[in-house]
N, C-alpha and C. Protein backbone atom coordinates (compact mmCIF):
# COMPACT_ATOMS: atom_id res chain seq x y z
N MET A 1 99.27 111.69 75.47
CA MET A 1 99.09 109.92 75.93
C MET A 1 100.27 109.73 77.15
N ALA A 2 101.45 110.45 76.73
CA ALA A 2 102.72 109.98 78.14
C ALA A 2 102.23 110.48 79.30
N LEU A 3 101.42 111.37 79.62
CA LEU A 3 100.67 112.12 80.77
C LEU A 3 99.79 110.82 81.30
N ALA A 4 98.55 110.35 80.48
CA ALA A 4 97.80 109.74 80.93
C ALA A 4 98.44 108.44 81.39
N VAL A 5 99.17 107.62 80.57
CA VAL A 5 100.05 106.45 80.96
C VAL A 5 100.41 106.74 82.65
N SER A 6 101.06 107.65 82.63
CA SER A 6 102.06 108.30 83.57
C SER A 6 100.98 108.09 85.12
N MET A 7 100.24 109.14 84.61
CA MET A 7 98.98 109.39 85.59
C MET A 7 98.19 107.94 86.01
N ILE A 8 97.96 107.42 85.07
CA ILE A 8 97.31 105.87 85.40
C ILE A 8 97.97 105.03 86.37
N GLY A 9 99.56 105.07 85.71
CA GLY A 9 100.22 104.00 86.95
C GLY A 9 100.91 104.57 88.24
N THR A 10 101.01 105.99 87.97
CA THR A 10 100.92 106.66 89.51
C THR A 10 99.53 106.04 90.65
N ALA A 11 98.53 106.39 89.69
CA ALA A 11 97.36 106.12 90.59
C ALA A 11 97.07 104.60 91.15
N GLU A 12 97.60 103.66 90.27
CA GLU A 12 97.70 102.19 90.65
C GLU A 12 98.30 102.05 91.78
N VAL A 13 99.67 102.22 91.30
CA VAL A 13 100.57 102.07 92.57
C VAL A 13 99.97 103.01 93.78
N MET A 14 99.68 103.98 93.94
CA MET A 14 99.17 104.70 95.00
C MET A 14 98.25 103.68 95.66
N ASN A 15 97.39 103.25 94.69
CA ASN A 15 96.11 102.94 95.61
C ASN A 15 96.31 101.32 96.06
N LEU A 16 97.38 100.43 95.52
CA LEU A 16 97.95 99.45 95.86
C LEU A 16 98.76 99.56 97.27
N GLY A 17 99.15 100.42 97.28
CA GLY A 17 100.43 100.98 98.78
C GLY A 17 99.38 101.26 99.56
N ILE A 18 98.54 102.02 99.52
CA ILE A 18 97.56 102.00 100.41
C ILE A 18 96.51 100.94 100.86
N ARG A 19 95.89 100.15 100.39
CA ARG A 19 95.48 98.91 100.66
C ARG A 19 96.35 97.99 101.26
N LEU A 20 97.56 97.85 101.18
CA LEU A 20 98.84 97.07 101.60
C LEU A 20 98.83 97.62 102.88
N GLY A 21 98.46 98.64 103.47
CA GLY A 21 98.63 99.81 104.59
C GLY A 21 99.33 100.52 104.71
N LEU A 22 100.16 100.89 103.63
CA LEU A 22 101.46 102.15 103.75
C LEU A 22 100.85 103.74 103.64
N ASP A 23 101.44 104.19 104.55
CA ASP A 23 101.01 105.60 104.40
C ASP A 23 101.34 106.40 103.13
N PRO A 24 100.21 107.15 102.35
CA PRO A 24 100.22 107.47 101.11
C PRO A 24 101.22 108.88 101.21
N LYS A 25 101.30 109.25 102.17
CA LYS A 25 102.59 110.73 102.49
C LYS A 25 103.96 109.99 102.28
N LEU A 26 104.35 108.67 103.19
CA LEU A 26 105.11 108.09 102.91
C LEU A 26 105.59 107.28 101.63
N LEU A 27 104.50 106.82 101.38
CA LEU A 27 104.59 105.82 99.70
C LEU A 27 105.22 107.05 98.53
N ALA A 28 104.53 108.10 98.43
CA ALA A 28 105.07 109.10 97.69
C ALA A 28 106.40 109.63 97.98
N ASP A 29 106.61 109.88 99.13
CA ASP A 29 108.39 110.24 99.13
C ASP A 29 109.20 109.19 98.95
N VAL A 30 108.85 108.05 98.95
CA VAL A 30 109.38 106.80 98.67
C VAL A 30 109.57 107.00 97.02
N MET A 31 108.53 106.81 96.37
CA MET A 31 108.30 107.39 94.99
C MET A 31 109.22 108.48 94.42
N ASN A 32 109.07 109.41 94.90
CA ASN A 32 109.83 110.68 94.64
C ASN A 32 111.19 110.49 94.89
N VAL A 33 111.74 109.98 95.56
CA VAL A 33 113.13 109.79 95.51
C VAL A 33 113.79 108.63 94.58
N SER A 34 112.76 107.86 93.72
CA SER A 34 113.64 106.46 93.57
C SER A 34 113.24 106.65 91.78
N THR A 35 113.21 105.42 91.36
CA THR A 35 113.23 105.56 90.14
C THR A 35 111.84 105.43 89.38
N GLY A 36 110.54 105.56 90.63
CA GLY A 36 109.38 105.57 90.41
C GLY A 36 108.76 107.18 90.38
N GLN A 37 109.68 108.14 90.29
CA GLN A 37 109.34 109.53 90.48
C GLN A 37 108.53 109.85 88.84
N SER A 38 108.12 110.70 89.17
CA SER A 38 107.43 111.22 87.81
C SER A 38 106.63 112.77 88.08
N TRP A 39 106.37 113.48 87.04
CA TRP A 39 105.73 114.51 87.74
C TRP A 39 104.61 114.24 88.10
N SER A 40 103.60 113.18 87.65
CA SER A 40 102.12 112.88 88.28
C SER A 40 102.59 112.18 89.92
N SER A 41 103.87 111.56 90.15
CA SER A 41 103.78 111.90 91.55
C SER A 41 104.16 112.48 92.35
N LEU A 42 105.36 113.44 91.69
CA LEU A 42 105.82 114.68 92.70
C LEU A 42 104.98 115.87 92.40
N LYS A 43 104.57 116.20 91.43
CA LYS A 43 103.51 117.80 91.30
C LYS A 43 102.20 117.53 91.20
N TYR A 44 101.83 116.40 90.55
CA TYR A 44 100.20 116.35 90.81
C TYR A 44 100.03 115.02 91.29
N ASN A 45 100.56 114.64 92.05
CA ASN A 45 99.74 113.19 92.85
C ASN A 45 98.38 113.33 92.84
N PRO A 46 97.98 111.98 92.57
CA PRO A 46 96.51 112.08 92.52
C PRO A 46 95.94 111.81 93.53
N VAL A 47 96.61 111.72 94.72
CA VAL A 47 95.84 111.04 96.05
C VAL A 47 95.52 112.52 96.65
N PRO A 48 94.41 112.39 97.20
CA PRO A 48 94.01 113.86 98.08
C PRO A 48 94.96 113.84 99.46
N GLY A 49 95.50 115.43 99.59
CA GLY A 49 95.80 115.64 100.71
C GLY A 49 98.07 115.43 100.58
N ILE A 50 98.10 114.88 99.69
CA ILE A 50 99.57 114.98 99.21
C ILE A 50 100.22 116.32 98.78
N VAL A 51 99.81 116.53 97.52
CA VAL A 51 99.92 117.50 97.26
C VAL A 51 99.28 118.80 97.55
N PRO A 52 99.41 120.16 98.22
CA PRO A 52 97.94 120.80 98.47
C PRO A 52 98.04 121.69 97.52
N GLY A 53 96.47 122.32 97.13
CA GLY A 53 96.34 123.39 96.13
C GLY A 53 95.97 122.72 94.94
N ILE A 54 96.42 121.38 94.76
CA ILE A 54 96.37 120.70 93.27
C ILE A 54 94.75 119.99 93.03
N PRO A 55 93.80 119.71 91.92
CA PRO A 55 92.79 119.11 91.95
C PRO A 55 92.68 117.95 92.66
N SER A 56 93.12 117.29 92.92
CA SER A 56 93.27 115.90 93.81
C SER A 56 92.87 116.38 95.40
N SER A 57 93.51 117.55 95.92
CA SER A 57 93.22 118.15 97.18
C SER A 57 91.96 119.21 97.04
N LYS A 58 91.28 119.38 96.07
CA LYS A 58 90.19 119.81 95.66
C LYS A 58 89.07 118.99 95.22
N ASP A 59 88.92 117.92 95.53
CA ASP A 59 87.75 117.03 95.25
C ASP A 59 87.84 117.08 93.36
N TYR A 60 88.81 116.85 92.94
CA TYR A 60 89.73 116.97 91.50
C TYR A 60 88.57 117.82 90.92
N GLU A 61 88.23 119.00 91.34
CA GLU A 61 87.65 120.08 90.51
C GLU A 61 88.96 120.89 90.35
N GLY A 62 88.39 121.14 89.18
CA GLY A 62 89.39 122.51 88.25
C GLY A 62 90.52 121.87 87.51
N GLY A 63 91.80 122.14 86.99
CA GLY A 63 92.87 121.21 86.33
C GLY A 63 92.26 120.68 84.71
N PHE A 64 93.13 119.67 84.47
CA PHE A 64 92.54 119.49 83.17
C PHE A 64 91.30 118.07 82.88
N GLY A 65 90.24 118.54 82.41
CA GLY A 65 89.26 117.45 82.81
C GLY A 65 89.47 116.11 81.84
N ALA A 66 89.02 115.05 82.71
CA ALA A 66 88.97 113.63 82.09
C ALA A 66 88.54 113.69 80.92
N ALA A 67 87.35 114.18 80.45
CA ALA A 67 86.94 114.40 78.94
C ALA A 67 87.67 114.95 78.00
N LEU A 68 88.39 115.79 78.62
CA LEU A 68 89.38 116.47 77.52
C LEU A 68 90.97 115.41 77.64
N MET A 69 91.05 114.88 78.41
CA MET A 69 91.85 113.83 78.45
C MET A 69 91.67 112.52 77.54
N LEU A 70 90.46 112.45 77.37
CA LEU A 70 90.46 111.33 76.66
C LEU A 70 89.83 111.70 75.07
N LYS A 71 89.57 113.44 74.93
CA LYS A 71 89.79 113.72 73.64
C LYS A 71 91.28 113.46 73.08
N ASP A 72 92.36 114.49 73.81
CA ASP A 72 93.49 114.01 73.60
C ASP A 72 93.71 112.87 72.88
N LEU A 73 93.37 111.51 74.07
CA LEU A 73 94.02 110.20 73.67
C LEU A 73 93.43 109.74 72.17
N GLY A 74 92.08 110.42 72.10
CA GLY A 74 91.54 109.70 70.65
C GLY A 74 92.16 110.44 69.64
N LEU A 75 92.70 111.48 69.22
CA LEU A 75 93.76 112.18 68.59
C LEU A 75 94.82 111.21 68.91
N GLY A 76 95.45 111.15 69.58
CA GLY A 76 96.67 110.27 69.77
C GLY A 76 96.49 108.82 69.21
N GLN A 77 95.31 108.45 69.38
CA GLN A 77 95.12 106.92 68.75
C GLN A 77 94.76 107.19 67.07
N ASN A 78 93.98 108.17 66.69
CA ASN A 78 93.86 108.16 65.06
C ASN A 78 95.14 108.38 64.58
N ALA A 79 96.27 109.42 65.11
CA ALA A 79 97.45 109.57 64.82
C ALA A 79 98.43 108.64 64.29
N ALA A 80 98.24 107.55 65.67
CA ALA A 80 99.12 105.77 65.45
C ALA A 80 98.38 105.44 64.72
N LEU A 81 97.16 105.35 64.36
CA LEU A 81 96.61 104.54 63.33
C LEU A 81 96.81 104.91 61.73
N GLN A 82 96.81 106.23 61.52
CA GLN A 82 97.39 106.87 60.33
C GLN A 82 99.01 106.22 59.81
N THR A 83 99.43 106.12 60.88
CA THR A 83 101.09 106.48 60.84
C THR A 83 101.42 104.95 61.24
N ALA A 84 100.13 103.88 61.02
CA ALA A 84 100.95 102.13 61.90
C ALA A 84 101.67 102.42 62.92
N SER A 85 101.87 102.86 64.20
CA SER A 85 102.55 103.24 64.87
C SER A 85 101.90 102.37 65.98
N PRO A 86 102.54 101.43 66.52
CA PRO A 86 101.75 100.88 67.43
C PRO A 86 101.96 101.79 69.14
N THR A 87 100.82 101.74 69.44
CA THR A 87 100.57 102.44 70.99
C THR A 87 99.97 101.71 71.88
N MET A 88 100.33 100.80 71.99
CA MET A 88 99.71 99.71 73.04
C MET A 88 99.37 100.17 74.66
N MET A 89 100.31 101.18 75.24
CA MET A 89 99.71 101.49 76.31
C MET A 89 98.79 103.03 76.26
N GLY A 90 99.09 103.66 74.91
CA GLY A 90 98.30 104.52 74.30
C GLY A 90 96.64 104.32 74.51
N SER A 91 96.64 103.06 73.64
CA SER A 91 95.39 102.43 73.57
C SER A 91 94.67 101.70 74.74
N LEU A 92 95.08 101.24 75.94
CA LEU A 92 94.93 101.16 76.88
C LEU A 92 94.41 102.30 77.76
N ALA A 93 95.17 103.46 77.81
CA ALA A 93 94.98 104.75 78.27
C ALA A 93 93.67 105.02 78.01
N ALA A 94 93.26 105.27 76.88
CA ALA A 94 92.32 105.71 76.01
C ALA A 94 90.93 104.36 76.79
N GLN A 95 90.98 103.56 76.72
CA GLN A 95 90.07 102.95 77.26
C GLN A 95 89.61 102.79 78.73
N ILE A 96 90.96 103.06 79.35
CA ILE A 96 90.92 103.48 80.89
C ILE A 96 90.00 104.74 80.98
N TYR A 97 90.43 105.87 80.36
CA TYR A 97 89.67 107.09 80.32
C TYR A 97 88.53 107.15 80.15
N GLN A 98 88.20 106.50 78.91
CA GLN A 98 86.69 106.37 78.57
C GLN A 98 85.79 105.77 79.27
N MET A 99 85.97 104.16 79.91
CA MET A 99 85.45 103.80 81.43
C MET A 99 85.26 105.24 82.31
N LEU A 100 86.44 105.72 82.57
CA LEU A 100 86.12 106.60 83.70
C LEU A 100 85.38 107.76 83.62
N CYS A 101 85.35 108.25 81.94
CA CYS A 101 84.11 109.29 81.85
C CYS A 101 82.59 108.75 81.81
N LYS A 102 82.41 107.37 81.31
CA LYS A 102 81.20 106.70 81.33
C LYS A 102 80.82 106.47 82.82
N GLU A 103 81.73 106.50 83.80
CA GLU A 103 81.73 106.49 85.56
C GLU A 103 81.10 107.60 86.00
N GLY A 104 81.14 108.78 84.85
CA GLY A 104 80.71 110.33 85.72
C GLY A 104 81.71 111.36 86.03
N TYR A 105 82.82 110.32 85.82
CA TYR A 105 84.03 111.73 85.87
C TYR A 105 84.32 112.34 84.82
N ASN A 106 83.66 112.44 83.70
CA ASN A 106 84.01 113.36 82.85
C ASN A 106 84.55 114.99 82.93
N LYS A 107 83.68 115.60 84.04
CA LYS A 107 84.47 116.68 84.59
C LYS A 107 85.08 117.24 85.68
N LYS A 108 85.73 115.86 86.31
CA LYS A 108 86.41 115.83 87.33
C LYS A 108 88.13 116.26 86.52
N ASP A 109 89.04 116.49 87.09
CA ASP A 109 90.15 116.21 86.75
C ASP A 109 90.83 114.71 86.25
N PHE A 110 91.63 114.68 85.25
CA PHE A 110 91.92 113.08 84.90
C PHE A 110 92.95 113.03 85.94
N SER A 111 93.48 113.34 86.79
CA SER A 111 93.73 112.57 88.17
C SER A 111 93.01 111.90 89.25
N SER A 112 91.40 112.12 88.87
CA SER A 112 90.46 111.46 89.35
C SER A 112 90.54 109.82 89.05
N ILE A 113 91.17 109.53 88.28
CA ILE A 113 91.40 108.19 87.72
C ILE A 113 91.67 107.45 89.31
N PHE A 114 92.61 108.18 90.19
CA PHE A 114 92.87 107.27 91.75
C PHE A 114 91.43 107.47 92.14
N HIS A 115 90.63 108.08 92.28
CA HIS A 115 89.53 108.25 93.23
C HIS A 115 88.77 106.77 92.42
N PHE A 116 88.32 106.59 91.24
CA PHE A 116 87.85 105.87 90.54
C PHE A 116 88.44 104.17 91.22
N LEU A 117 89.48 104.15 90.91
CA LEU A 117 90.47 103.03 91.11
C LEU A 117 90.12 102.78 92.91
N HIS A 118 90.60 103.72 93.50
CA HIS A 118 90.39 103.64 95.20
C HIS A 118 88.89 102.96 95.35
N HIS A 119 87.87 103.30 94.17
CA HIS A 119 86.65 103.14 95.01
C HIS A 119 86.09 101.78 94.43
N GLN A 120 86.86 101.20 93.71
CA GLN A 120 86.50 99.59 92.92
C GLN A 120 86.83 98.44 93.57
N LYS A 121 86.34 97.74 93.98
CA LYS A 121 86.67 96.59 94.94
C LYS A 121 86.92 95.10 93.86
């Protein structure tokens, strides 16, 4: 659940920065020396070309599929319901990944959330 939330946040920030005209590599560099740094931004950045050799740089092929992330988020939400544990961000992440999968990204890596967001108007 934490990784899904982190990836969505990283994808949103990168997309916003790019739309504001920032260079994506420079934005990633700034994020990664500040409090915005995370595994999603440093090692598995969802923007193609930032980190070579990872799924975002290979048309989101390979890696951990969005459908698997959705499955895991569902398991987390079931556990949260059983224990009456509030997981507001987890719930939103599950809804976002459900939408991503319905849009045909289910077999793409979970970092393809950036591609989805970047192509929204």
